[in-house]
Amino acid sequence: MKFVDEAKIHVKAGDGGNGCVSFRRERFIPRGGPNGGDGGKGGDVILQADAQLTTLLDLTFPKQFRAQRGNHGKGKDQTGKSGENLIIRIPAGTLVRDDQTGEVLQDLLFDGQTYIVAEGGRGGRGNARFATPTIRAPRHAEKGNEGQERTLRFELKLLADVGIIGYPNVGKSTLLSRISSARPKIAGYPFTTLVPHLGVVSREDGRPFVVADIPGLIEGASKGAGLGLTFLRHIERTRLVIHLLDISEGPSRDAVKDFQALNHELKAYPRPLQEKTQLLALNKIDLPSVQERAKDVENQFERMGFRLYLISGHTGEGVEELMGGVSQGLEFISDQDHEP
């Protein structure tokens, strides 16, 4: 299934039905009086979050969504039937904006959460509603109100506890496949991962958590370089970030500079991401070239106040220890969130 995290649609709620002009016509009942019924209410357009959906692909076509209009009123005081509501299912974690004003209308985070994005028009009143002691035979009725109409813009932000970030080809997808049942595409060239992937990590010593593999970031990502700007938004909802580093390309690759460069991009993003808790991991420790420099790199980060996990996504070395650190980090964050 194609991953789509942005979409724009036009919605139109149903118009209200018109009121009816009618008079009672029965044998032996002269001047029966007005009995025109009201028009029915137009259907609402309702957005509903669905945790089973992971993409906005279904909203790329059609672009127009209309709810049913209300039926017109009838004689014998019959109210027109209300129009059926139109329910549009979208992935949980979708931000809804008014495309014209840019205003955030709703952030649908929870499965089953609903939001009426366009209200149906009220039905018009029939002539029976206008009868008074002095005007006993009104010959007019109201037209139904028009339903709301607006253009919406959706932005999907993945709901994940942990995000794996790093330069292209540092082994993010390999690590995700090692710790979960997710099977993202893995290849030895940059930008193999073009869309985020989700995996669930289950542990005996703690609660399961969801991990997102964020496509490779590069310098200038916050300004649109590479794939970064498109997917930086998916880090917003994560509670913890695993910063994956790679020095397997040789002495020219500086793990500290890579770490500082990507943190600069996180800080430059419109909503600062640098403040999120980060765990640092040096990948591909199974390679002799990495083993030779690992201790020196570990000491550099220790002087900066960071612990560096030494792991291999390929063989699994050190991964269990990293996942233990992730579990502890998430528990600590949860405890802070619940503090008064």
C-alpha atoms as a PDB file:
ATOM      1  CA  MET A   1       0.000   0.000   0.000  1.00  0.00           C
ATOM      2  CA  LYS A   2       1.330   3.430  -0.936  1.00  0.00           C
ATOM      3  CA  PHE A   3       2.128   5.665   2.037  1.00  0.00           C
ATOM      4  CA  VAL A   4       0.516   9.110   1.759  1.00  0.00           C
ATOM      5  CA  ASP A   5       0.806  11.529   4.681  1.00  0.00           C
ATOM      6  CA  GLU A   6      -0.751  14.658   3.148  1.00  0.00           C
ATOM      7  CA  ALA A   7      -4.089  15.152   1.418  1.00  0.00           C
ATOM      8  CA  LYS A   8      -6.520  17.927   0.523  1.00  0.00           C
ATOM      9  CA  ILE A   9     -10.248  17.447   0.006  1.00  0.00           C
ATOM     10  CA  HIS A  10     -13.406  19.536  -0.347  1.00  0.00           C
ATOM     11  CA  VAL A  11     -16.402  18.695   1.817  1.00  0.00           C
ATOM     12  CA  LYS A  12     -20.007  19.844   1.568  1.00  0.00           C
ATOM     13  CA  ALA A  13     -22.610  19.106   4.215  1.00  0.00           C
ATOM     14  CA  GLY A  14     -26.171  18.418   3.115  1.00  0.00           C
ATOM     15  CA  ASP A  15     -28.583  21.299   2.583  1.00  0.00           C
ATOM     16  CA  GLY A  16     -31.716  21.397   4.682  1.00  0.00           C
ATOM     17  CA  GLY A  17     -34.993  20.470   3.002  1.00  0.00           C
ATOM     18  CA  ASN A  18     -37.535  23.172   2.191  1.00  0.00           C
ATOM     19  CA  GLY A  19     -40.670  23.663   4.253  1.00  0.00           C
ATOM     20  CA  CYS A  20     -44.005  22.847   2.609  1.00  0.00           C
ATOM     21  CA  VAL A  21     -47.001  25.067   1.879  1.00  0.00           C
ATOM     22  CA  SER A  22     -50.091  22.906   2.256  1.00  0.00           C
ATOM     23  CA  PHE A  23     -53.650  23.130   3.584  1.00  0.00           C
ATOM     24  CA  ARG A  24     -55.885  20.490   5.066  1.00  0.00           C
ATOM     25  CA  ARG A  25     -58.396  19.327   2.485  1.00  0.00           C
ATOM     26  CA  GLU A  26     -60.976  16.915   3.858  1.00  0.00           C
ATOM     27  CA  ARG A  27     -64.672  16.447   3.266  1.00  0.00           C
ATOM     28  CA  PHE A  28     -66.938  18.137   5.792  1.00  0.00           C
ATOM     29  CA  ILE A  29     -63.982  20.069   7.279  1.00  0.00           C
ATOM     30  CA  PRO A  30     -64.046  23.523   5.718  1.00  0.00           C
ATOM     31  CA  ARG A  31     -61.097  25.795   6.257  1.00  0.00           C
ATOM     32  CA  GLY A  32     -58.965  22.988   7.602  1.00  0.00           C
ATOM     33  CA  GLY A  33     -55.982  25.287   8.044  1.00  0.00           C
ATOM     34  CA  PRO A  34     -52.313  24.976   7.127  1.00  0.00           C
ATOM     35  CA  ASN A  35     -50.579  21.611   7.516  1.00  0.00           C
ATOM     36  CA  GLY A  36     -47.304  22.026   5.649  1.00  0.00           C
ATOM     37  CA  GLY A  37     -44.459  20.100   7.331  1.00  0.00           C
ATOM     38  CA  ASP A  38     -40.874  21.181   7.971  1.00  0.00           C
ATOM     39  CA  GLY A  39     -37.944  20.211   5.813  1.00  0.00           C
ATOM     40  CA  GLY A  40     -35.433  17.646   7.073  1.00  0.00           C
ATOM     41  CA  LYS A  41     -31.971  18.561   8.337  1.00  0.00           C
ATOM     42  CA  GLY A  42     -29.028  18.070   5.991  1.00  0.00           C
ATOM     43  CA  GLY A  43     -26.443  15.406   6.803  1.00  0.00           C
ATOM     44  CA  ASP A  44     -23.217  16.340   8.615  1.00  0.00           C
ATOM     45  CA  VAL A  45     -19.721  15.536   7.372  1.00  0.00           C
ATOM     46  CA  ILE A  46     -17.961  13.692  10.198  1.00  0.00           C
ATOM     47  CA  LEU A  47     -14.296  12.736  10.460  1.00  0.00           C
ATOM     48  CA  GLN A  48     -13.557   9.556  12.390  1.00  0.00           C
ATOM     49  CA  ALA A  49     -10.104   8.374  13.481  1.00  0.00           C
ATOM     50  CA  ASP A  50      -9.365   4.735  12.672  1.00  0.00           C
ATOM     51  CA  ALA A  51      -6.298   3.062  14.201  1.00  0.00           C
ATOM     52  CA  GLN A  52      -6.395   0.404  11.465  1.00  0.00           C
ATOM     53  CA  LEU A  53      -5.559   2.972   8.778  1.00  0.00           C
ATOM     54  CA  THR A  54      -1.928   3.971   8.215  1.00  0.00           C
ATOM     55  CA  THR A  55      -2.147   6.201   5.137  1.00  0.00           C
ATOM     56  CA  LEU A  56      -4.254   8.981   3.610  1.00  0.00           C
ATOM     57  CA  LEU A  57      -4.257   7.213   0.256  1.00  0.00           C
ATOM     58  CA  ASP A  58      -8.063   6.823   0.212  1.00  0.00           C
ATOM     59  CA  LEU A  59      -8.450  10.616   0.333  1.00  0.00           C
ATOM     60  CA  THR A  60      -6.391  11.309  -2.775  1.00  0.00           C
ATOM     61  CA  PHE A  61      -9.375  10.368  -4.963  1.00  0.00           C
ATOM     62  CA  PRO A  62     -12.151  11.447  -5.031  1.00  0.00           C
ATOM     63  CA  LYS A  63     -11.467  14.995  -3.905  1.00  0.00           C
ATOM     64  CA  GLN A  64     -15.116  15.953  -3.359  1.00  0.00           C
ATOM     65  CA  PHE A  65     -17.210  14.594  -0.480  1.00  0.00           C
ATOM     66  CA  ARG A  66     -20.890  15.471  -0.075  1.00  0.00           C
ATOM     67  CA  ALA A  67     -23.354  14.522   2.632  1.00  0.00           C
ATOM     68  CA  GLN A  68     -26.995  13.821   1.769  1.00  0.00           C
ATOM     69  CA  ARG A  69     -29.439  16.707   1.742  1.00  0.00           C
ATOM     70  CA  GLY A  70     -32.618  16.692   3.804  1.00  0.00           C
ATOM     71  CA  ASN A  71     -35.943  15.863   2.160  1.00  0.00           C
ATOM     72  CA  HIS A  72     -38.569  18.563   1.687  1.00  0.00           C
ATOM     73  CA  GLY A  73     -41.538  18.774   4.043  1.00  0.00           C
ATOM     74  CA  LYS A  74     -44.916  17.436   2.945  1.00  0.00           C
ATOM     75  CA  GLY A  75     -48.587  18.040   3.616  1.00  0.00           C
ATOM     76  CA  LYS A  76     -50.404  16.528   6.585  1.00  0.00           C
ATOM     77  CA  ASP A  77     -47.658  17.967   8.849  1.00  0.00           C
ATOM     78  CA  GLN A  78     -45.088  15.486   7.550  1.00  0.00           C
ATOM     79  CA  THR A  79     -41.511  16.493   8.315  1.00  0.00           C
ATOM     80  CA  GLY A  80     -38.990  15.646   5.635  1.00  0.00           C
ATOM     81  CA  LYS A  81     -36.459  12.916   6.356  1.00  0.00           C
ATOM     82  CA  SER A  82     -33.066  14.159   7.537  1.00  0.00           C
ATOM     83  CA  GLY A  83     -30.096  13.508   5.273  1.00  0.00           C
ATOM     84  CA  GLU A  84     -27.657  10.766   6.242  1.00  0.00           C
ATOM     85  CA  ASN A  85     -24.369  11.840   7.767  1.00  0.00           C
ATOM     86  CA  LEU A  86     -21.210  11.230   5.755  1.00  0.00           C
ATOM     87  CA  ILE A  87     -18.447   9.611   7.827  1.00  0.00           C
ATOM     88  CA  ILE A  88     -14.907   9.936   6.471  1.00  0.00           C
ATOM     89  CA  ARG A  89     -12.428   7.559   8.108  1.00  0.00           C
ATOM     90  CA  ILE A  90      -8.878   8.840   8.535  1.00  0.00           C
ATOM     91  CA  PRO A  91      -5.801   7.420  10.320  1.00  0.00           C
ATOM     92  CA  ALA A  92      -5.412   8.163  14.022  1.00  0.00           C
ATOM     93  CA  GLY A  93      -2.789  10.864  14.399  1.00  0.00           C
ATOM     94  CA  THR A  94      -4.107  13.087  11.603  1.00  0.00           C
ATOM     95  CA  LEU A  95      -4.084  16.858  11.991  1.00  0.00           C
ATOM     96  CA  VAL A  96      -7.011  18.614  10.264  1.00  0.00           C
ATOM     97  CA  ARG A  97      -6.611  22.163   8.969  1.00  0.00           C
ATOM     98  CA  ASP A  98      -8.836  24.617   7.134  1.00  0.00           C
ATOM     99  CA  ASP A  99      -7.004  25.003   3.844  1.00  0.00           C
ATOM    100  CA  GLN A 100      -8.016  28.629   3.326  1.00  0.00           C
ATOM    101  CA  THR A 101      -7.130  29.993   6.773  1.00  0.00           C
ATOM    102  CA  GLY A 102      -4.557  27.439   7.920  1.00  0.00           C
ATOM    103  CA  GLU A 103      -6.447  27.119  11.221  1.00  0.00           C
ATOM    104  CA  VAL A 104      -6.073  23.800  13.033  1.00  0.00           C
ATOM    105  CA  LEU A 105      -9.602  22.440  13.362  1.00  0.00           C
ATOM    106  CA  GLN A 106      -8.887  19.203  15.186  1.00  0.00           C
ATOM    107  CA  ASP A 107      -6.131  16.736  16.010  1.00  0.00           C
ATOM    108  CA  LEU A 108      -7.616  13.244  15.854  1.00  0.00           C
ATOM    109  CA  LEU A 109      -5.393  11.102  18.061  1.00  0.00           C
ATOM    110  CA  PHE A 110      -7.546   8.280  19.411  1.00  0.00           C
ATOM    111  CA  ASP A 111      -9.227   5.370  17.694  1.00  0.00           C
ATOM    112  CA  GLY A 112     -12.923   6.139  17.230  1.00  0.00           C
ATOM    113  CA  GLN A 113     -12.554   9.864  17.959  1.00  0.00           C
ATOM    114  CA  THR A 114     -14.965  11.925  15.827  1.00  0.00           C
ATOM    115  CA  TYR A 115     -15.257  15.533  14.754  1.00  0.00           C
ATOM    116  CA  ILE A 116     -18.080  17.245  12.846  1.00  0.00           C
ATOM    117  CA  VAL A 117     -16.139  19.194  10.257  1.00  0.00           C
ATOM    118  CA  ALA A 118     -19.175  20.516   8.338  1.00  0.00           C
ATOM    119  CA  GLU A 119     -22.677  20.810   9.768  1.00  0.00           C
ATOM    120  CA  GLY A 120     -25.757  20.095   7.703  1.00  0.00           C
ATOM    121  CA  GLY A 121     -28.239  22.875   7.027  1.00  0.00           C
ATOM    122  CA  ARG A 122     -31.357  23.276   9.151  1.00  0.00           C
ATOM    123  CA  GLY A 123     -34.605  22.327   7.480  1.00  0.00           C
ATOM    124  CA  GLY A 124     -37.015  25.120   6.538  1.00  0.00           C
ATOM    125  CA  ARG A 125     -40.245  25.550   8.459  1.00  0.00           C
ATOM    126  CA  GLY A 126     -43.545  24.650   6.807  1.00  0.00           C
ATOM    127  CA  ASN A 127     -46.482  27.053   6.653  1.00  0.00           C
ATOM    128  CA  ALA A 128     -48.131  25.369   9.646  1.00  0.00           C
ATOM    129  CA  ARG A 129     -45.407  26.988  11.774  1.00  0.00           C
ATOM    130  CA  PHE A 130     -46.494  30.477  10.739  1.00  0.00           C
ATOM    131  CA  ALA A 131     -50.167  30.252  11.689  1.00  0.00           C
ATOM    132  CA  THR A 132     -51.283  32.819  14.251  1.00  0.00           C
ATOM    133  CA  PRO A 133     -54.697  33.928  15.589  1.00  0.00           C
ATOM    134  CA  THR A 134     -54.634  36.791  13.106  1.00  0.00           C
ATOM    135  CA  ILE A 135     -52.953  34.955  10.181  1.00  0.00           C
ATOM    136  CA  ARG A 136     -54.748  31.633   9.995  1.00  0.00           C
ATOM    137  CA  ALA A 137     -53.849  30.708   6.428  1.00  0.00           C
ATOM    138  CA  PRO A 138     -50.159  31.590   5.838  1.00  0.00           C
ATOM    139  CA  ARG A 139     -49.116  30.907   2.278  1.00  0.00           C
ATOM    140  CA  HIS A 140     -45.381  30.906   2.716  1.00  0.00           C
ATOM    141  CA  ALA A 141     -42.745  28.545   4.051  1.00  0.00           C
ATOM    142  CA  GLU A 142     -38.981  28.700   4.611  1.00  0.00           C
ATOM    143  CA  LYS A 143     -36.301  27.301   2.396  1.00  0.00           C
ATOM    144  CA  GLY A 144     -33.770  25.017   4.016  1.00  0.00           C
ATOM    145  CA  ASN A 145     -30.388  26.423   5.026  1.00  0.00           C
ATOM    146  CA  GLU A 146     -27.338  25.467   3.036  1.00  0.00           C
ATOM    147  CA  GLY A 147     -24.893  23.014   4.586  1.00  0.00           C
ATOM    148  CA  GLN A 148     -21.383  24.117   5.513  1.00  0.00           C
ATOM    149  CA  GLU A 149     -18.734  23.853   2.827  1.00  0.00           C
ATOM    150  CA  ARG A 150     -14.964  23.963   3.279  1.00  0.00           C
ATOM    151  CA  THR A 151     -11.660  22.738   1.920  1.00  0.00           C
ATOM    152  CA  LEU A 152      -9.594  20.652   4.324  1.00  0.00           C
ATOM    153  CA  ARG A 153      -5.932  19.779   4.483  1.00  0.00           C
ATOM    154  CA  PHE A 154      -4.806  16.655   6.335  1.00  0.00           C
ATOM    155  CA  GLU A 155      -1.353  16.026   7.806  1.00  0.00           C
ATOM    156  CA  LEU A 156      -0.666  12.534   9.123  1.00  0.00           C
ATOM    157  CA  LYS A 157       1.865  12.266  11.952  1.00  0.00           C
ATOM    158  CA  LEU A 158       2.677   8.715  12.933  1.00  0.00           C
ATOM    159  CA  LEU A 159       1.770   7.652  16.454  1.00  0.00           C
ATOM    160  CA  ALA A 160       4.938   5.966  17.675  1.00  0.00           C
ATOM    161  CA  ASP A 161       6.653   5.851  21.065  1.00  0.00           C
ATOM    162  CA  VAL A 162      10.161   5.708  19.606  1.00  0.00           C
ATOM    163  CA  GLY A 163      11.666   7.109  16.413  1.00  0.00           C
ATOM    164  CA  ILE A 164      14.891   5.811  14.856  1.00  0.00           C
ATOM    165  CA  ILE A 165      16.763   8.610  13.105  1.00  0.00           C
ATOM    166  CA  GLY A 166      20.126   8.917  11.412  1.00  0.00           C
ATOM    167  CA  TYR A 167      21.858   9.534   8.126  1.00  0.00           C
ATOM    168  CA  PRO A 168      20.889   7.411   5.105  1.00  0.00           C
ATOM    169  CA  ASN A 169      22.196   3.832   5.127  1.00  0.00           C
ATOM    170  CA  VAL A 170      23.189   3.708   8.814  1.00  0.00           C
ATOM    171  CA  GLY A 171      21.047   0.591   9.362  1.00  0.00           C
ATOM    172  CA  LYS A 172      17.743   1.934  10.697  1.00  0.00           C
ATOM    173  CA  SER A 173      15.620  -0.552   8.763  1.00  0.00           C
ATOM    174  CA  THR A 174      17.897  -3.439   9.742  1.00  0.00           C
ATOM    175  CA  LEU A 175      17.521  -2.512  13.413  1.00  0.00           C
ATOM    176  CA  LEU A 176      13.726  -2.256  13.094  1.00  0.00           C
ATOM    177  CA  SER A 177      13.571  -5.714  11.492  1.00  0.00           C
ATOM    178  CA  ARG A 178      15.757  -7.081  14.322  1.00  0.00           C
ATOM    179  CA  ILE A 179      13.610  -5.749  17.199  1.00  0.00           C
ATOM    180  CA  SER A 180      10.141  -6.249  15.691  1.00  0.00           C
ATOM    181  CA  SER A 181       8.244  -8.264  13.106  1.00  0.00           C
ATOM    182  CA  ALA A 182       8.309  -5.359  10.642  1.00  0.00           C
ATOM    183  CA  ARG A 183       9.997  -6.193   7.340  1.00  0.00           C
ATOM    184  CA  PRO A 184      11.005  -2.931   5.645  1.00  0.00           C
ATOM    185  CA  LYS A 185      13.034  -2.974   2.457  1.00  0.00           C
ATOM    186  CA  ILE A 186      16.744  -3.316   3.221  1.00  0.00           C
ATOM    187  CA  ALA A 187      19.476  -2.528   0.697  1.00  0.00           C
ATOM    188  CA  GLY A 188      23.002  -1.176   0.665  1.00  0.00           C
ATOM    189  CA  TYR A 189      22.338   2.188  -0.926  1.00  0.00           C
ATOM    190  CA  PRO A 190      21.238   5.571   0.488  1.00  0.00           C
ATOM    191  CA  PHE A 191      17.533   6.425   0.713  1.00  0.00           C
ATOM    192  CA  THR A 192      16.409   2.811   0.506  1.00  0.00           C
ATOM    193  CA  THR A 193      13.676   3.764   2.954  1.00  0.00           C
ATOM    194  CA  LEU A 194      11.355   6.278   1.319  1.00  0.00           C
ATOM    195  CA  VAL A 195       8.465   6.009   3.784  1.00  0.00           C
ATOM    196  CA  PRO A 196       8.302   5.482   7.573  1.00  0.00           C
ATOM    197  CA  HIS A 197       7.752   1.956   8.835  1.00  0.00           C
ATOM    198  CA  LEU A 198       6.231   0.933  12.153  1.00  0.00           C
ATOM    199  CA  GLY A 199       7.089  -2.044  14.311  1.00  0.00           C
ATOM    200  CA  VAL A 200       5.893  -3.211  17.730  1.00  0.00           C
ATOM    201  CA  VAL A 201       8.553  -4.256  20.253  1.00  0.00           C
ATOM    202  CA  SER A 202       7.331  -6.683  22.924  1.00  0.00           C
ATOM    203  CA  ARG A 203       9.405  -7.201  26.059  1.00  0.00           C
ATOM    204  CA  GLU A 204       8.915  -9.494  29.031  1.00  0.00           C
ATOM    205  CA  ASP A 205      10.180  -6.883  31.500  1.00  0.00           C
ATOM    206  CA  GLY A 206       7.995  -4.022  30.343  1.00  0.00           C
ATOM    207  CA  ARG A 207       5.102  -2.775  28.232  1.00  0.00           C
ATOM    208  CA  PRO A 208       5.312  -3.121  24.438  1.00  0.00           C
ATOM    209  CA  PHE A 209       6.111   0.031  22.481  1.00  0.00           C
ATOM    210  CA  VAL A 210       5.855   1.165  18.875  1.00  0.00           C
ATOM    211  CA  VAL A 211       9.002   2.087  16.943  1.00  0.00           C
ATOM    212  CA  ALA A 212       9.079   4.129  13.726  1.00  0.00           C
ATOM    213  CA  ASP A 213      11.918   3.926  11.210  1.00  0.00           C
ATOM    214  CA  ILE A 214      12.229   7.513   9.929  1.00  0.00           C
ATOM    215  CA  PRO A 215      13.688   7.868   6.396  1.00  0.00           C
ATOM    216  CA  GLY A 216      17.292   9.085   6.305  1.00  0.00           C
ATOM    217  CA  LEU A 217      17.937  12.699   7.253  1.00  0.00           C
ATOM    218  CA  ILE A 218      20.719  14.871   5.841  1.00  0.00           C
ATOM    219  CA  GLU A 219      22.022  18.345   6.497  1.00  0.00           C
ATOM    220  CA  GLY A 220      19.480  20.905   5.348  1.00  0.00           C
ATOM    221  CA  ALA A 221      16.552  18.566   6.064  1.00  0.00           C
ATOM    222  CA  SER A 222      14.688  21.300   7.974  1.00  0.00           C
ATOM    223  CA  LYS A 223      14.830  23.424   4.812  1.00  0.00           C
ATOM    224  CA  GLY A 224      13.601  20.641   2.549  1.00  0.00           C
ATOM    225  CA  ALA A 225      16.845  18.936   1.527  1.00  0.00           C
ATOM    226  CA  GLY A 226      16.619  15.222   0.864  1.00  0.00           C
ATOM    227  CA  LEU A 227      13.573  13.544   2.372  1.00  0.00           C
ATOM    228  CA  GLY A 228      13.870  15.191   5.765  1.00  0.00           C
ATOM    229  CA  LEU A 229      11.269  17.945   5.693  1.00  0.00           C
ATOM    230  CA  THR A 230       8.614  15.519   4.491  1.00  0.00           C
ATOM    231  CA  PHE A 231       9.141  13.132   7.389  1.00  0.00           C
ATOM    232  CA  LEU A 232      10.430  15.286  10.247  1.00  0.00           C
ATOM    233  CA  ARG A 233       6.799  15.765  11.303  1.00  0.00           C
ATOM    234  CA  HIS A 234       6.635  12.070  12.153  1.00  0.00           C
ATOM    235  CA  ILE A 235       9.139  12.606  14.982  1.00  0.00           C
ATOM    236  CA  GLU A 236       6.838  15.160  16.636  1.00  0.00           C
ATOM    237  CA  ARG A 237       4.649  12.604  18.395  1.00  0.00           C
ATOM    238  CA  THR A 238       7.458  10.259  19.479  1.00  0.00           C
ATOM    239  CA  ARG A 239       8.423  10.324  23.146  1.00  0.00           C
ATOM    240  CA  LEU A 240      11.986   9.096  22.667  1.00  0.00           C
ATOM    241  CA  VAL A 241      14.473   9.059  19.783  1.00  0.00           C
ATOM    242  CA  ILE A 242      17.191   6.522  18.966  1.00  0.00           C
ATOM    243  CA  HIS A 243      19.970   8.344  17.139  1.00  0.00           C
ATOM    244  CA  LEU A 244      21.754   5.702  15.067  1.00  0.00           C
ATOM    245  CA  LEU A 245      25.374   6.405  14.085  1.00  0.00           C
ATOM    246  CA  ASP A 246      27.680   4.712  11.579  1.00  0.00           C
ATOM    247  CA  ILE A 247      31.461   5.019  11.108  1.00  0.00           C
ATOM    248  CA  SER A 248      31.928   1.969   8.890  1.00  0.00           C
ATOM    249  CA  GLU A 249      32.853   4.115   5.888  1.00  0.00           C
ATOM    250  CA  GLY A 250      36.244   4.882   7.443  1.00  0.00           C
ATOM    251  CA  PRO A 251      38.050   7.712   9.279  1.00  0.00           C
ATOM    252  CA  SER A 252      36.321  10.312   7.105  1.00  0.00           C
ATOM    253  CA  ARG A 253      33.035   9.565   8.901  1.00  0.00           C
ATOM    254  CA  ASP A 254      32.861  11.464  12.197  1.00  0.00           C
ATOM    255  CA  ALA A 255      30.104  10.230  14.515  1.00  0.00           C
ATOM    256  CA  VAL A 256      30.185  13.342  16.709  1.00  0.00           C
ATOM    257  CA  LYS A 257      29.842  15.698  13.738  1.00  0.00           C
ATOM    258  CA  ASP A 258      27.009  13.579  12.331  1.00  0.00           C
ATOM    259  CA  PHE A 259      25.217  13.723  15.677  1.00  0.00           C
ATOM    260  CA  GLN A 260      25.650  17.496  15.980  1.00  0.00           C
ATOM    261  CA  ALA A 261      24.608  18.125  12.363  1.00  0.00           C
ATOM    262  CA  LEU A 262      21.334  16.200  12.643  1.00  0.00           C
ATOM    263  CA  ASN A 263      20.543  17.759  16.020  1.00  0.00           C
ATOM    264  CA  HIS A 264      20.944  21.131  14.350  1.00  0.00           C
ATOM    265  CA  GLU A 265      18.258  20.065  11.851  1.00  0.00           C
ATOM    266  CA  LEU A 266      15.967  18.927  14.668  1.00  0.00           C
ATOM    267  CA  LYS A 267      16.419  22.263  16.392  1.00  0.00           C
ATOM    268  CA  ALA A 268      15.791  24.231  13.177  1.00  0.00           C
ATOM    269  CA  TYR A 269      12.475  22.465  12.521  1.00  0.00           C
ATOM    270  CA  PRO A 270       9.494  24.819  13.185  1.00  0.00           C
ATOM    271  CA  ARG A 271       8.575  22.734  16.234  1.00  0.00           C
ATOM    272  CA  PRO A 272      11.862  22.030  18.069  1.00  0.00           C
ATOM    273  CA  LEU A 273      12.552  18.305  18.219  1.00  0.00           C
ATOM    274  CA  GLN A 274      15.977  18.497  19.841  1.00  0.00           C
ATOM    275  CA  GLU A 275      14.424  18.560  23.318  1.00  0.00           C
ATOM    276  CA  LYS A 276      13.217  14.971  22.995  1.00  0.00           C
ATOM    277  CA  THR A 277      15.055  12.310  24.981  1.00  0.00           C
ATOM    278  CA  GLN A 278      17.732  10.740  22.775  1.00  0.00           C
ATOM    279  CA  LEU A 279      19.575   7.448  23.081  1.00  0.00           C
ATOM    280  CA  LEU A 280      22.748   7.158  20.999  1.00  0.00           C
ATOM    281  CA  ALA A 281      23.766   3.910  19.350  1.00  0.00           C
ATOM    282  CA  LEU A 282      26.802   3.122  17.209  1.00  0.00           C
ATOM    283  CA  ASN A 283      25.759   0.507  14.663  1.00  0.00           C
ATOM    284  CA  LYS A 284      27.698  -2.164  12.740  1.00  0.00           C
ATOM    285  CA  ILE A 285      29.963  -2.996  15.692  1.00  0.00           C
ATOM    286  CA  ASP A 286      30.425  -6.440  14.119  1.00  0.00           C
ATOM    287  CA  LEU A 287      32.748  -4.904  11.501  1.00  0.00           C
ATOM    288  CA  PRO A 288      36.492  -4.854  12.396  1.00  0.00           C
ATOM    289  CA  SER A 289      36.871  -1.275  11.103  1.00  0.00           C
ATOM    290  CA  VAL A 290      34.179  -0.109  13.515  1.00  0.00           C
ATOM    291  CA  GLN A 291      35.531  -2.107  16.454  1.00  0.00           C
ATOM    292  CA  GLU A 292      38.923  -0.402  16.093  1.00  0.00           C
ATOM    293  CA  ARG A 293      37.444   3.084  16.536  1.00  0.00           C
ATOM    294  CA  ALA A 294      34.467   2.279  18.768  1.00  0.00           C
ATOM    295  CA  LYS A 295      36.220   2.886  22.103  1.00  0.00           C
ATOM    296  CA  ASP A 296      37.527   6.270  20.997  1.00  0.00           C
ATOM    297  CA  VAL A 297      34.081   7.330  19.764  1.00  0.00           C
ATOM    298  CA  GLU A 298      32.514   6.059  22.995  1.00  0.00           C
ATOM    299  CA  ASN A 299      34.937   8.182  25.032  1.00  0.00           C
ATOM    300  CA  GLN A 300      34.141  11.287  22.955  1.00  0.00           C
ATOM    301  CA  PHE A 301      30.431  10.994  23.672  1.00  0.00           C
ATOM    302  CA  GLU A 302      31.088  10.198  27.340  1.00  0.00           C
ATOM    303  CA  ARG A 303      32.958  13.503  27.664  1.00  0.00           C
ATOM    304  CA  MET A 304      29.892  15.190  26.145  1.00  0.00           C
ATOM    305  CA  GLY A 305      27.685  13.568  28.779  1.00  0.00           C
ATOM    306  CA  PHE A 306      26.112  10.896  26.551  1.00  0.00           C
ATOM    307  CA  ARG A 307      26.124   7.144  26.875  1.00  0.00           C
ATOM    308  CA  LEU A 308      26.830   5.376  23.597  1.00  0.00           C
ATOM    309  CA  TYR A 309      25.332   1.927  22.992  1.00  0.00           C
ATOM    310  CA  LEU A 310      27.474  -0.326  20.786  1.00  0.00           C
ATOM    311  CA  ILE A 311      25.203  -2.508  18.664  1.00  0.00           C
ATOM    312  CA  SER A 312      24.941  -4.544  15.499  1.00  0.00           C
ATOM    313  CA  GLY A 313      21.562  -4.604  13.834  1.00  0.00           C
ATOM    314  CA  HIS A 314      22.852  -7.416  11.624  1.00  0.00           C
ATOM    315  CA  THR A 315      23.994  -9.860  14.336  1.00  0.00           C
ATOM    316  CA  GLY A 316      21.908  -8.535  17.244  1.00  0.00           C
ATOM    317  CA  GLU A 317      24.931  -7.732  19.425  1.00  0.00           C
ATOM    318  CA  GLY A 318      24.075  -5.093  22.034  1.00  0.00           C
ATOM    319  CA  VAL A 319      20.498  -4.683  20.756  1.00  0.00           C
ATOM    320  CA  GLU A 320      18.893  -6.187  23.878  1.00  0.00           C
ATOM    321  CA  GLU A 321      20.796  -3.749  26.074  1.00  0.00           C
ATOM    322  CA  LEU A 322      19.633  -0.845  23.870  1.00  0.00           C
ATOM    323  CA  MET A 323      16.007  -1.980  24.085  1.00  0.00           C
ATOM    324  CA  GLY A 324      16.349  -2.164  27.856  1.00  0.00           C
ATOM    325  CA  GLY A 325      17.511   1.452  27.830  1.00  0.00           C
ATOM    326  CA  VAL A 326      14.543   2.399  25.666  1.00  0.00           C
ATOM    327  CA  SER A 327      12.103   0.723  28.090  1.00  0.00           C
ATOM    328  CA  GLN A 328      13.636   2.530  31.046  1.00  0.00           C
ATOM    329  CA  GLY A 329      13.575   5.835  29.178  1.00  0.00           C
ATOM    330  CA  LEU A 330       9.897   5.470  28.285  1.00  0.00           C
ATOM    331  CA  GLU A 331       9.014   4.571  31.890  1.00  0.00           C
ATOM    332  CA  PHE A 332      10.886   7.624  33.146  1.00  0.00           C
ATOM    333  CA  ILE A 333       9.091   9.892  30.667  1.00  0.00           C
ATOM    334  CA  SER A 334       5.726   8.391  31.650  1.00  0.00           C
ATOM    335  CA  ASP A 335       6.444   9.023  35.325  1.00  0.00           C
ATOM    336  CA  GLN A 336       7.299  12.653  34.563  1.00  0.00           C
ATOM    337  CA  ASP A 337       4.095  13.066  32.570  1.00  0.00           C
ATOM    338  CA  HIS A 338       2.036  11.872  35.545  1.00  0.00           C
ATOM    339  CA  GLU A 339       3.750  14.094  38.090  1.00  0.00           C
ATOM    340  CA  PRO A 340       1.432  16.867  39.427  1.00  0.00           C
END
